[in-house]
Amino acid sequence: MATYGEGHYLDIHGNNSSSRVMVGNLIRRMDFEKEKEPHAARLFLCKKLALSSLRTLAERKTREDAKMQLLLGDQSLAYLMEREGIASTPGLFLPNNELLLN
């Protein structure tokens, strides 16, 4: 903190109802599936992102697609964990993931 002036708290936990590692960001799975139309879903998630534990990172991103990358793309913690063979959520397995990132 003294060197960089800021930090990020990571909430990484398990759950007895899933074999996936949960990356907590204060956005629920149902939020990712709330809107069916891709543009509406991205707008909704950008609003949720502003209230999430990723909000300070999201504030640095101006484009909607860059904000979605924090949650679901190759800049997300869940993606990095998946790439290392650790099944994680939210991550690439979400049913509408491809639509949200495109």
PDB file of N, CA and C in Angstrom:
ATOM      1  N   MET A   1       0.818  -1.184   0.000  1.00  0.00           N
ATOM      2  CA  MET A   1       0.000   0.000   0.000  1.00  0.00           C
ATOM      3  C   MET A   1       0.866   1.253   0.000  1.00  0.00           C
ATOM      4  N   ALA A   2       1.926   1.231   0.764  1.00  0.00           N
ATOM      5  CA  ALA A   2       2.784   2.414   0.823  1.00  0.00           C
ATOM      6  C   ALA A   2       3.436   2.699  -0.528  1.00  0.00           C
ATOM      7  N   THR A   3       3.763   1.656  -1.255  1.00  0.00           N
ATOM      8  CA  THR A   3       4.430   1.833  -2.547  1.00  0.00           C
ATOM      9  C   THR A   3       3.458   2.226  -3.649  1.00  0.00           C
ATOM     10  N   TYR A   4       2.300   1.534  -3.721  1.00  0.00           N
ATOM     11  CA  TYR A   4       1.378   1.738  -4.833  1.00  0.00           C
ATOM     12  C   TYR A   4       0.158   2.587  -4.476  1.00  0.00           C
ATOM     13  N   GLY A   5      -0.139   2.745  -3.198  1.00  0.00           N
ATOM     14  CA  GLY A   5      -1.265   3.569  -2.794  1.00  0.00           C
ATOM     15  C   GLY A   5      -2.623   2.907  -2.877  1.00  0.00           C
ATOM     16  N   GLU A   6      -2.662   1.672  -3.329  1.00  0.00           N
ATOM     17  CA  GLU A   6      -3.930   0.964  -3.412  1.00  0.00           C
ATOM     18  C   GLU A   6      -3.668  -0.534  -3.464  1.00  0.00           C
ATOM     19  N   GLY A   7      -4.712  -1.288  -3.305  1.00  0.00           N
ATOM     20  CA  GLY A   7      -4.597  -2.737  -3.351  1.00  0.00           C
ATOM     21  C   GLY A   7      -5.930  -3.335  -3.737  1.00  0.00           C
ATOM     22  N   HIS A   8      -5.996  -4.647  -3.793  1.00  0.00           N
ATOM     23  CA  HIS A   8      -7.244  -5.326  -4.120  1.00  0.00           C
ATOM     24  C   HIS A   8      -7.380  -6.540  -3.218  1.00  0.00           C
ATOM     25  N   TYR A   9      -8.521  -6.655  -2.594  1.00  0.00           N
ATOM     26  CA  TYR A   9      -8.834  -7.793  -1.735  1.00  0.00           C
ATOM     27  C   TYR A   9      -9.431  -8.887  -2.601  1.00  0.00           C
ATOM     28  N   LEU A  10      -8.906 -10.084  -2.523  1.00  0.00           N
ATOM     29  CA  LEU A  10      -9.408 -11.205  -3.312  1.00  0.00           C
ATOM     30  C   LEU A  10     -10.227 -12.140  -2.437  1.00  0.00           C
ATOM     31  N   ASP A  11     -11.418 -12.432  -2.871  1.00  0.00           N
ATOM     32  CA  ASP A  11     -12.302 -13.365  -2.181  1.00  0.00           C
ATOM     33  C   ASP A  11     -12.347 -14.643  -3.022  1.00  0.00           C
ATOM     34  N   ILE A  12     -11.531 -15.605  -2.660  1.00  0.00           N
ATOM     35  CA  ILE A  12     -11.466 -16.872  -3.378  1.00  0.00           C
ATOM     36  C   ILE A  12     -11.878 -17.955  -2.386  1.00  0.00           C
ATOM     37  N   HIS A  13     -12.953 -18.667  -2.695  1.00  0.00           N
ATOM     38  CA  HIS A  13     -13.475 -19.638  -1.745  1.00  0.00           C
ATOM     39  C   HIS A  13     -14.116 -20.822  -2.463  1.00  0.00           C
ATOM     40  N   GLY A  14     -14.429 -21.827  -1.700  1.00  0.00           N
ATOM     41  CA  GLY A  14     -15.116 -23.006  -2.207  1.00  0.00           C
ATOM     42  C   GLY A  14     -16.557 -22.996  -1.759  1.00  0.00           C
ATOM     43  N   ASN A  15     -17.282 -24.016  -2.184  1.00  0.00           N
ATOM     44  CA  ASN A  15     -18.676 -24.138  -1.830  1.00  0.00           C
ATOM     45  C   ASN A  15     -19.017 -25.620  -1.918  1.00  0.00           C
ATOM     46  N   ASN A  16     -19.773 -26.120  -0.966  1.00  0.00           N
ATOM     47  CA  ASN A  16     -20.058 -27.554  -0.975  1.00  0.00           C
ATOM     48  C   ASN A  16     -21.044 -27.972  -2.063  1.00  0.00           C
ATOM     49  N   SER A  17     -21.630 -27.014  -2.784  1.00  0.00           N
ATOM     50  CA  SER A  17     -22.559 -27.371  -3.861  1.00  0.00           C
ATOM     51  C   SER A  17     -21.894 -27.358  -5.240  1.00  0.00           C
ATOM     52  N   SER A  18     -20.589 -27.075  -5.276  1.00  0.00           N
ATOM     53  CA  SER A  18     -19.897 -27.003  -6.559  1.00  0.00           C
ATOM     54  C   SER A  18     -18.448 -27.455  -6.400  1.00  0.00           C
ATOM     55  N   SER A  19     -17.900 -28.014  -7.457  1.00  0.00           N
ATOM     56  CA  SER A  19     -16.488 -28.404  -7.429  1.00  0.00           C
ATOM     57  C   SER A  19     -15.597 -27.287  -7.976  1.00  0.00           C
ATOM     58  N   ARG A  20     -16.193 -26.165  -8.306  1.00  0.00           N
ATOM     59  CA  ARG A  20     -15.458 -25.033  -8.859  1.00  0.00           C
ATOM     60  C   ARG A  20     -14.997 -24.105  -7.745  1.00  0.00           C
ATOM     61  N   VAL A  21     -13.880 -23.429  -7.969  1.00  0.00           N
ATOM     62  CA  VAL A  21     -13.409 -22.397  -7.052  1.00  0.00           C
ATOM     63  C   VAL A  21     -14.215 -21.135  -7.351  1.00  0.00           C
ATOM     64  N   MET A  22     -14.722 -20.501  -6.332  1.00  0.00           N
ATOM     65  CA  MET A  22     -15.532 -19.297  -6.498  1.00  0.00           C
ATOM     66  C   MET A  22     -14.651 -18.056  -6.350  1.00  0.00           C
ATOM     67  N   VAL A  23     -14.698 -17.206  -7.355  1.00  0.00           N
ATOM     68  CA  VAL A  23     -14.001 -15.922  -7.285  1.00  0.00           C
ATOM     69  C   VAL A  23     -15.059 -14.897  -6.934  1.00  0.00           C
ATOM     70  N   GLY A  24     -15.070 -14.468  -5.682  1.00  0.00           N
ATOM     71  CA  GLY A  24     -16.096 -13.541  -5.211  1.00  0.00           C
ATOM     72  C   GLY A  24     -15.844 -12.127  -5.693  1.00  0.00           C
ATOM     73  N   ASN A  25     -16.886 -11.515  -6.240  1.00  0.00           N
ATOM     74  CA  ASN A  25     -16.786 -10.120  -6.661  1.00  0.00           C
ATOM     75  C   ASN A  25     -18.082  -9.368  -6.409  1.00  0.00           C
ATOM     76  N   LEU A  26     -18.956  -9.953  -5.607  1.00  0.00           N
ATOM     77  CA  LEU A  26     -20.247  -9.381  -5.235  1.00  0.00           C
ATOM     78  C   LEU A  26     -21.230  -9.335  -6.400  1.00  0.00           C
ATOM     79  N   ILE A  27     -20.988 -10.143  -7.423  1.00  0.00           N
ATOM     80  CA  ILE A  27     -21.937 -10.298  -8.521  1.00  0.00           C
ATOM     81  C   ILE A  27     -22.332 -11.762  -8.558  1.00  0.00           C
ATOM     82  N   ARG A  28     -23.629 -12.022  -8.459  1.00  0.00           N
ATOM     83  CA  ARG A  28     -24.125 -13.398  -8.383  1.00  0.00           C
ATOM     84  C   ARG A  28     -24.258 -14.028  -9.771  1.00  0.00           C
ATOM     85  N   ARG A  29     -24.230 -15.346  -9.810  1.00  0.00           N
ATOM     86  CA  ARG A  29     -24.384 -16.043 -11.100  1.00  0.00           C
ATOM     87  C   ARG A  29     -25.670 -15.630 -11.790  1.00  0.00           C
ATOM     88  N   MET A  30     -26.743 -15.490 -11.030  1.00  0.00           N
ATOM     89  CA  MET A  30     -28.030 -15.108 -11.632  1.00  0.00           C
ATOM     90  C   MET A  30     -27.930 -13.734 -12.314  1.00  0.00           C
ATOM     91  N   ASP A  31     -27.025 -12.876 -11.849  1.00  0.00           N
ATOM     92  CA  ASP A  31     -26.844 -11.579 -12.504  1.00  0.00           C
ATOM     93  C   ASP A  31     -26.272 -11.744 -13.907  1.00  0.00           C
ATOM     94  N   PHE A  32     -25.409 -12.732 -14.089  1.00  0.00           N
ATOM     95  CA  PHE A  32     -24.823 -12.979 -15.403  1.00  0.00           C
ATOM     96  C   PHE A  32     -25.864 -13.509 -16.392  1.00  0.00           C
ATOM     97  N   GLU A  33     -26.926 -14.100 -15.862  1.00  0.00           N
ATOM     98  CA  GLU A  33     -27.935 -14.719 -16.716  1.00  0.00           C
ATOM     99  C   GLU A  33     -29.243 -13.949 -16.756  1.00  0.00           C
ATOM    100  N   LYS A  34     -29.293 -12.787 -16.102  1.00  0.00           N
ATOM    101  CA  LYS A  34     -30.541 -12.022 -15.976  1.00  0.00           C
ATOM    102  C   LYS A  34     -31.068 -11.525 -17.318  1.00  0.00           C
ATOM    103  N   GLU A  35     -30.226 -10.903 -18.095  1.00  0.00           N
ATOM    104  CA  GLU A  35     -30.633 -10.351 -19.384  1.00  0.00           C
ATOM    105  C   GLU A  35     -30.253 -11.318 -20.502  1.00  0.00           C
ATOM    106  N   LYS A  36     -31.159 -11.575 -21.406  1.00  0.00           N
ATOM    107  CA  LYS A  36     -30.895 -12.517 -22.499  1.00  0.00           C
ATOM    108  C   LYS A  36     -30.260 -11.838 -23.709  1.00  0.00           C
ATOM    109  N   GLU A  37     -30.628 -10.600 -23.984  1.00  0.00           N
ATOM    110  CA  GLU A  37     -30.079  -9.885 -25.133  1.00  0.00           C
ATOM    111  C   GLU A  37     -28.680  -9.391 -24.757  1.00  0.00           C
ATOM    112  N   PRO A  38     -27.667  -9.658 -25.580  1.00  0.00           N
ATOM    113  CA  PRO A  38     -26.274  -9.366 -25.218  1.00  0.00           C
ATOM    114  C   PRO A  38     -25.992  -7.914 -24.814  1.00  0.00           C
ATOM    115  N   HIS A  39     -26.512  -6.952 -25.568  1.00  0.00           N
ATOM    116  CA  HIS A  39     -26.220  -5.547 -25.234  1.00  0.00           C
ATOM    117  C   HIS A  39     -26.833  -5.179 -23.882  1.00  0.00           C
ATOM    118  N   ALA A  40     -28.073  -5.592 -23.657  1.00  0.00           N
ATOM    119  CA  ALA A  40     -28.735  -5.320 -22.374  1.00  0.00           C
ATOM    120  C   ALA A  40     -27.988  -6.005 -21.235  1.00  0.00           C
ATOM    121  N   ALA A  41     -27.502  -7.216 -21.477  1.00  0.00           N
ATOM    122  CA  ALA A  41     -26.750  -7.950 -20.452  1.00  0.00           C
ATOM    123  C   ALA A  41     -25.458  -7.217 -20.099  1.00  0.00           C
ATOM    124  N   ARG A  42     -24.745  -6.734 -21.118  1.00  0.00           N
ATOM    125  CA  ARG A  42     -23.495  -6.006 -20.856  1.00  0.00           C
ATOM    126  C   ARG A  42     -23.756  -4.724 -20.071  1.00  0.00           C
ATOM    127  N   LEU A  43     -24.804  -3.989 -20.445  1.00  0.00           N
ATOM    128  CA  LEU A  43     -25.138  -2.762 -19.712  1.00  0.00           C
ATOM    129  C   LEU A  43     -25.478  -3.071 -18.257  1.00  0.00           C
ATOM    130  N   PHE A  44     -26.273  -4.122 -18.051  1.00  0.00           N
ATOM    131  CA  PHE A  44     -26.651  -4.516 -16.703  1.00  0.00           C
ATOM    132  C   PHE A  44     -25.410  -4.893 -15.877  1.00  0.00           C
ATOM    133  N   LEU A  45     -24.526  -5.696 -16.464  1.00  0.00           N
ATOM    134  CA  LEU A  45     -23.327  -6.122 -15.745  1.00  0.00           C
ATOM    135  C   LEU A  45     -22.374  -4.963 -15.493  1.00  0.00           C
ATOM    136  N   CYS A  46     -22.304  -4.010 -16.396  1.00  0.00           N
ATOM    137  CA  CYS A  46     -21.463  -2.829 -16.153  1.00  0.00           C
ATOM    138  C   CYS A  46     -21.976  -2.047 -14.953  1.00  0.00           C
ATOM    139  N   LYS A  47     -23.292  -1.976 -14.796  1.00  0.00           N
ATOM    140  CA  LYS A  47     -23.873  -1.310 -13.622  1.00  0.00           C
ATOM    141  C   LYS A  47     -23.556  -2.092 -12.355  1.00  0.00           C
ATOM    142  N   LYS A  48     -23.671  -3.427 -12.420  1.00  0.00           N
ATOM    143  CA  LYS A  48     -23.340  -4.257 -11.260  1.00  0.00           C
ATOM    144  C   LYS A  48     -21.851  -4.154 -10.930  1.00  0.00           C
ATOM    145  N   LEU A  49     -21.028  -4.057 -11.953  1.00  0.00           N
ATOM    146  CA  LEU A  49     -19.582  -3.942 -11.769  1.00  0.00           C
ATOM    147  C   LEU A  49     -19.234  -2.685 -10.982  1.00  0.00           C
ATOM    148  N   ALA A  50     -19.985  -1.625 -11.210  1.00  0.00           N
ATOM    149  CA  ALA A  50     -19.748  -0.368 -10.499  1.00  0.00           C
ATOM    150  C   ALA A  50     -20.019  -0.498  -9.003  1.00  0.00           C
ATOM    151  N   LEU A  51     -20.764  -1.524  -8.606  1.00  0.00           N
ATOM    152  CA  LEU A  51     -21.071  -1.761  -7.189  1.00  0.00           C
ATOM    153  C   LEU A  51     -20.293  -2.942  -6.621  1.00  0.00           C
ATOM    154  N   SER A  52     -19.480  -3.563  -7.455  1.00  0.00           N
ATOM    155  CA  SER A  52     -18.791  -4.787  -7.046  1.00  0.00           C
ATOM    156  C   SER A  52     -17.443  -4.499  -6.400  1.00  0.00           C
ATOM    157  N   SER A  53     -16.787  -5.554  -5.986  1.00  0.00           N
ATOM    158  CA  SER A  53     -15.450  -5.416  -5.409  1.00  0.00           C
ATOM    159  C   SER A  53     -14.411  -5.093  -6.484  1.00  0.00           C
ATOM    160  N   LEU A  54     -14.808  -5.144  -7.747  1.00  0.00           N
ATOM    161  CA  LEU A  54     -13.910  -4.798  -8.854  1.00  0.00           C
ATOM    162  C   LEU A  54     -14.112  -3.357  -9.323  1.00  0.00           C
ATOM    163  N   ARG A  55     -14.902  -2.580  -8.589  1.00  0.00           N
ATOM    164  CA  ARG A  55     -15.269  -1.246  -9.065  1.00  0.00           C
ATOM    165  C   ARG A  55     -14.081  -0.323  -9.298  1.00  0.00           C
ATOM    166  N   THR A  56     -13.068  -0.384  -8.450  1.00  0.00           N
ATOM    167  CA  THR A  56     -11.927   0.517  -8.669  1.00  0.00           C
ATOM    168  C   THR A  56     -11.147   0.143  -9.923  1.00  0.00           C
ATOM    169  N   LEU A  57     -11.083  -1.155 -10.228  1.00  0.00           N
ATOM    170  CA  LEU A  57     -10.456  -1.568 -11.483  1.00  0.00           C
ATOM    171  C   LEU A  57     -11.331  -1.161 -12.668  1.00  0.00           C
ATOM    172  N   ALA A  58     -12.645  -1.314 -12.519  1.00  0.00           N
ATOM    173  CA  ALA A  58     -13.576  -0.989 -13.602  1.00  0.00           C
ATOM    174  C   ALA A  58     -13.580   0.505 -13.905  1.00  0.00           C
ATOM    175  N   GLU A  59     -13.370   1.327 -12.890  1.00  0.00           N
ATOM    176  CA  GLU A  59     -13.365   2.782 -13.105  1.00  0.00           C
ATOM    177  C   GLU A  59     -12.243   3.207 -14.046  1.00  0.00           C
ATOM    178  N   ARG A  60     -11.210   2.418 -14.139  1.00  0.00           N
ATOM    179  CA  ARG A  60     -10.089   2.736 -15.026  1.00  0.00           C
ATOM    180  C   ARG A  60     -10.376   2.363 -16.478  1.00  0.00           C
ATOM    181  N   LYS A  61     -11.409   1.583 -16.677  1.00  0.00           N
ATOM    182  CA  LYS A  61     -11.778   1.138 -18.025  1.00  0.00           C
ATOM    183  C   LYS A  61     -12.908   2.030 -18.537  1.00  0.00           C
ATOM    184  N   THR A  62     -12.762   2.544 -19.737  1.00  0.00           N
ATOM    185  CA  THR A  62     -13.803   3.412 -20.273  1.00  0.00           C
ATOM    186  C   THR A  62     -14.751   2.671 -21.208  1.00  0.00           C
ATOM    187  N   ARG A  63     -14.255   1.643 -21.864  1.00  0.00           N
ATOM    188  CA  ARG A  63     -15.089   0.919 -22.819  1.00  0.00           C
ATOM    189  C   ARG A  63     -15.804  -0.253 -22.151  1.00  0.00           C
ATOM    190  N   GLU A  64     -17.021  -0.482 -22.589  1.00  0.00           N
ATOM    191  CA  GLU A  64     -17.838  -1.571 -22.061  1.00  0.00           C
ATOM    192  C   GLU A  64     -17.156  -2.927 -22.231  1.00  0.00           C
ATOM    193  N   ASP A  65     -16.548  -3.156 -23.395  1.00  0.00           N
ATOM    194  CA  ASP A  65     -15.907  -4.449 -23.637  1.00  0.00           C
ATOM    195  C   ASP A  65     -14.716  -4.670 -22.707  1.00  0.00           C
ATOM    196  N   ALA A  66     -14.004  -3.609 -22.360  1.00  0.00           N
ATOM    197  CA  ALA A  66     -12.881  -3.731 -21.421  1.00  0.00           C
ATOM    198  C   ALA A  66     -13.380  -4.080 -20.022  1.00  0.00           C
ATOM    199  N   LYS A  67     -14.538  -3.553 -19.658  1.00  0.00           N
ATOM    200  CA  LYS A  67     -15.119  -3.879 -18.348  1.00  0.00           C
ATOM    201  C   LYS A  67     -15.556  -5.336 -18.298  1.00  0.00           C
ATOM    202  N   MET A  68     -16.115  -5.835 -19.393  1.00  0.00           N
ATOM    203  CA  MET A  68     -16.534  -7.237 -19.453  1.00  0.00           C
ATOM    204  C   MET A  68     -15.327  -8.166 -19.349  1.00  0.00           C
ATOM    205  N   GLN A  69     -14.191  -7.753 -19.875  1.00  0.00           N
ATOM    206  CA  GLN A  69     -12.969  -8.562 -19.786  1.00  0.00           C
ATOM    207  C   GLN A  69     -12.573  -8.782 -18.324  1.00  0.00           C
ATOM    208  N   LEU A  70     -12.817  -7.798 -17.450  1.00  0.00           N
ATOM    209  CA  LEU A  70     -12.496  -7.952 -16.026  1.00  0.00           C
ATOM    210  C   LEU A  70     -13.303  -9.082 -15.392  1.00  0.00           C
ATOM    211  N   LEU A  71     -14.539  -9.256 -15.850  1.00  0.00           N
ATOM    212  CA  LEU A  71     -15.414 -10.274 -15.285  1.00  0.00           C
ATOM    213  C   LEU A  71     -15.250 -11.634 -15.936  1.00  0.00           C
ATOM    214  N   LEU A  72     -15.164 -11.651 -17.257  1.00  0.00           N
ATOM    215  CA  LEU A  72     -15.281 -12.906 -17.982  1.00  0.00           C
ATOM    216  C   LEU A  72     -14.163 -13.181 -18.968  1.00  0.00           C
ATOM    217  N   GLY A  73     -13.407 -12.187 -19.324  1.00  0.00           N
ATOM    218  CA  GLY A  73     -12.424 -12.347 -20.382  1.00  0.00           C
ATOM    219  C   GLY A  73     -11.061 -12.801 -19.906  1.00  0.00           C
ATOM    220  N   ASP A  74     -10.093 -12.636 -20.787  1.00  0.00           N
ATOM    221  CA  ASP A  74      -8.750 -13.127 -20.487  1.00  0.00           C
ATOM    222  C   ASP A  74      -8.005 -12.256 -19.478  1.00  0.00           C
ATOM    223  N   GLN A  75      -8.641 -11.192 -18.984  1.00  0.00           N
ATOM    224  CA  GLN A  75      -8.062 -10.395 -17.908  1.00  0.00           C
ATOM    225  C   GLN A  75      -8.680 -10.732 -16.555  1.00  0.00           C
ATOM    226  N   SER A  76      -9.649 -11.635 -16.552  1.00  0.00           N
ATOM    227  CA  SER A  76     -10.329 -11.969 -15.296  1.00  0.00           C
ATOM    228  C   SER A  76      -9.536 -13.006 -14.506  1.00  0.00           C
ATOM    229  N   LEU A  77      -9.664 -12.944 -13.208  1.00  0.00           N
ATOM    230  CA  LEU A  77      -8.978 -13.903 -12.341  1.00  0.00           C
ATOM    231  C   LEU A  77      -9.475 -15.324 -12.612  1.00  0.00           C
ATOM    232  N   ALA A  78     -10.777 -15.478 -12.821  1.00  0.00           N
ATOM    233  CA  ALA A  78     -11.318 -16.814 -13.097  1.00  0.00           C
ATOM    234  C   ALA A  78     -10.719 -17.392 -14.378  1.00  0.00           C
ATOM    235  N   TYR A  79     -10.529 -16.563 -15.393  1.00  0.00           N
ATOM    236  CA  TYR A  79      -9.921 -17.039 -16.642  1.00  0.00           C
ATOM    237  C   TYR A  79      -8.495 -17.525 -16.385  1.00  0.00           C
ATOM    238  N   LEU A  80      -7.734 -16.741 -15.651  1.00  0.00           N
ATOM    239  CA  LEU A  80      -6.348 -17.125 -15.356  1.00  0.00           C
ATOM    240  C   LEU A  80      -6.297 -18.437 -14.581  1.00  0.00           C
ATOM    241  N   MET A  81      -7.240 -18.619 -13.662  1.00  0.00           N
ATOM    242  CA  MET A  81      -7.290 -19.865 -12.901  1.00  0.00           C
ATOM    243  C   MET A  81      -7.683 -21.032 -13.809  1.00  0.00           C
ATOM    244  N   GLU A  82      -8.685 -20.816 -14.675  1.00  0.00           N
ATOM    245  CA  GLU A  82      -9.107 -21.857 -15.623  1.00  0.00           C
ATOM    246  C   GLU A  82      -7.945 -22.270 -16.518  1.00  0.00           C
ATOM    247  N   ARG A  83      -7.173 -21.292 -16.965  1.00  0.00           N
ATOM    248  CA  ARG A  83      -6.037 -21.571 -17.843  1.00  0.00           C
ATOM    249  C   ARG A  83      -4.998 -22.465 -17.162  1.00  0.00           C
ATOM    250  N   GLU A  84      -4.939 -22.380 -15.840  1.00  0.00           N
ATOM    251  CA  GLU A  84      -4.013 -23.214 -15.074  1.00  0.00           C
ATOM    252  C   GLU A  84      -4.649 -24.526 -14.630  1.00  0.00           C
ATOM    253  N   GLY A  85      -5.858 -24.806 -15.117  1.00  0.00           N
ATOM    254  CA  GLY A  85      -6.512 -26.071 -14.808  1.00  0.00           C
ATOM    255  C   GLY A  85      -7.358 -26.066 -13.551  1.00  0.00           C
ATOM    256  N   ILE A  86      -7.658 -24.906 -13.008  1.00  0.00           N
ATOM    257  CA  ILE A  86      -8.478 -24.787 -11.804  1.00  0.00           C
ATOM    258  C   ILE A  86      -9.870 -24.329 -12.218  1.00  0.00           C
ATOM    259  N   ALA A  87     -10.855 -25.206 -12.124  1.00  0.00           N
ATOM    260  CA  ALA A  87     -12.225 -24.866 -12.509  1.00  0.00           C
ATOM    261  C   ALA A  87     -12.726 -23.731 -11.624  1.00  0.00           C
ATOM    262  N   SER A  88     -13.136 -22.636 -12.237  1.00  0.00           N
ATOM    263  CA  SER A  88     -13.490 -21.429 -11.492  1.00  0.00           C
ATOM    264  C   SER A  88     -14.797 -20.829 -11.988  1.00  0.00           C
ATOM    265  N   THR A  89     -15.396 -20.057 -11.128  1.00  0.00           N
ATOM    266  CA  THR A  89     -16.607 -19.325 -11.477  1.00  0.00           C
ATOM    267  C   THR A  89     -16.545 -17.927 -10.877  1.00  0.00           C
ATOM    268  N   PRO A  90     -17.056 -16.867 -11.491  1.00  0.00           N
ATOM    269  CA  PRO A  90     -17.592 -16.890 -12.847  1.00  0.00           C
ATOM    270  C   PRO A  90     -16.458 -17.063 -13.827  1.00  0.00           C
ATOM    271  N   GLY A  91     -16.741 -17.709 -14.886  1.00  0.00           N
ATOM    272  CA  GLY A  91     -15.683 -17.963 -15.849  1.00  0.00           C
ATOM    273  C   GLY A  91     -16.233 -18.318 -17.201  1.00  0.00           C
ATOM    274  N   LEU A  92     -15.428 -19.010 -17.942  1.00  0.00           N
ATOM    275  CA  LEU A  92     -15.745 -19.282 -19.332  1.00  0.00           C
ATOM    276  C   LEU A  92     -16.907 -20.252 -19.511  1.00  0.00           C
ATOM    277  N   PHE A  93     -17.320 -20.937 -18.447  1.00  0.00           N
ATOM    278  CA  PHE A  93     -18.388 -21.926 -18.578  1.00  0.00           C
ATOM    279  C   PHE A  93     -19.780 -21.304 -18.619  1.00  0.00           C
ATOM    280  N   LEU A  94     -19.927 -20.034 -18.265  1.00  0.00           N
ATOM    281  CA  LEU A  94     -21.256 -19.417 -18.235  1.00  0.00           C
ATOM    282  C   LEU A  94     -21.914 -19.553 -19.608  1.00  0.00           C
ATOM    283  N   PRO A  95     -23.197 -19.895 -19.639  1.00  0.00           N
ATOM    284  CA  PRO A  95     -23.861 -20.175 -20.911  1.00  0.00           C
ATOM    285  C   PRO A  95     -23.800 -19.040 -21.919  1.00  0.00           C
ATOM    286  N   ASN A  96     -23.877 -17.792 -21.487  1.00  0.00           N
ATOM    287  CA  ASN A  96     -23.893 -16.667 -22.413  1.00  0.00           C
ATOM    288  C   ASN A  96     -22.570 -15.901 -22.442  1.00  0.00           C
ATOM    289  N   ASN A  97     -21.505 -16.546 -22.014  1.00  0.00           N
ATOM    290  CA  ASN A  97     -20.208 -15.885 -21.938  1.00  0.00           C
ATOM    291  C   ASN A  97     -19.738 -15.308 -23.272  1.00  0.00           C
ATOM    292  N   GLU A  98     -19.843 -16.107 -24.325  1.00  0.00           N
ATOM    293  CA  GLU A  98     -19.379 -15.643 -25.643  1.00  0.00           C
ATOM    294  C   GLU A  98     -20.155 -14.415 -26.096  1.00  0.00           C
ATOM    295  N   LEU A  99     -21.452 -14.400 -25.840  1.00  0.00           N
ATOM    296  CA  LEU A  99     -22.268 -13.248 -26.235  1.00  0.00           C
ATOM    297  C   LEU A  99     -21.881 -11.997 -25.448  1.00  0.00           C
ATOM    298  N   LEU A 100     -21.552 -12.172 -24.185  1.00  0.00           N
ATOM    299  CA  LEU A 100     -21.209 -11.020 -23.350  1.00  0.00           C
ATOM    300  C   LEU A 100     -19.877 -10.396 -23.750  1.00  0.00           C
ATOM    301  N   LEU A 101     -18.967 -11.205 -24.261  1.00  0.00           N
ATOM    302  CA  LEU A 101     -17.650 -10.694 -24.617  1.00  0.00           C
ATOM    303  C   LEU A 101     -17.575 -10.172 -26.039  1.00  0.00           C
ATOM    304  N   ASN A 102     -18.533 -10.465 -26.873  1.00  0.00           N
ATOM    305  CA  ASN A 102     -18.502 -10.022 -28.284  1.00  0.00           C
ATOM    306  C   ASN A 102     -19.424  -8.860 -28.537  1.00  0.00           C
TER     307      ASN A 102
END
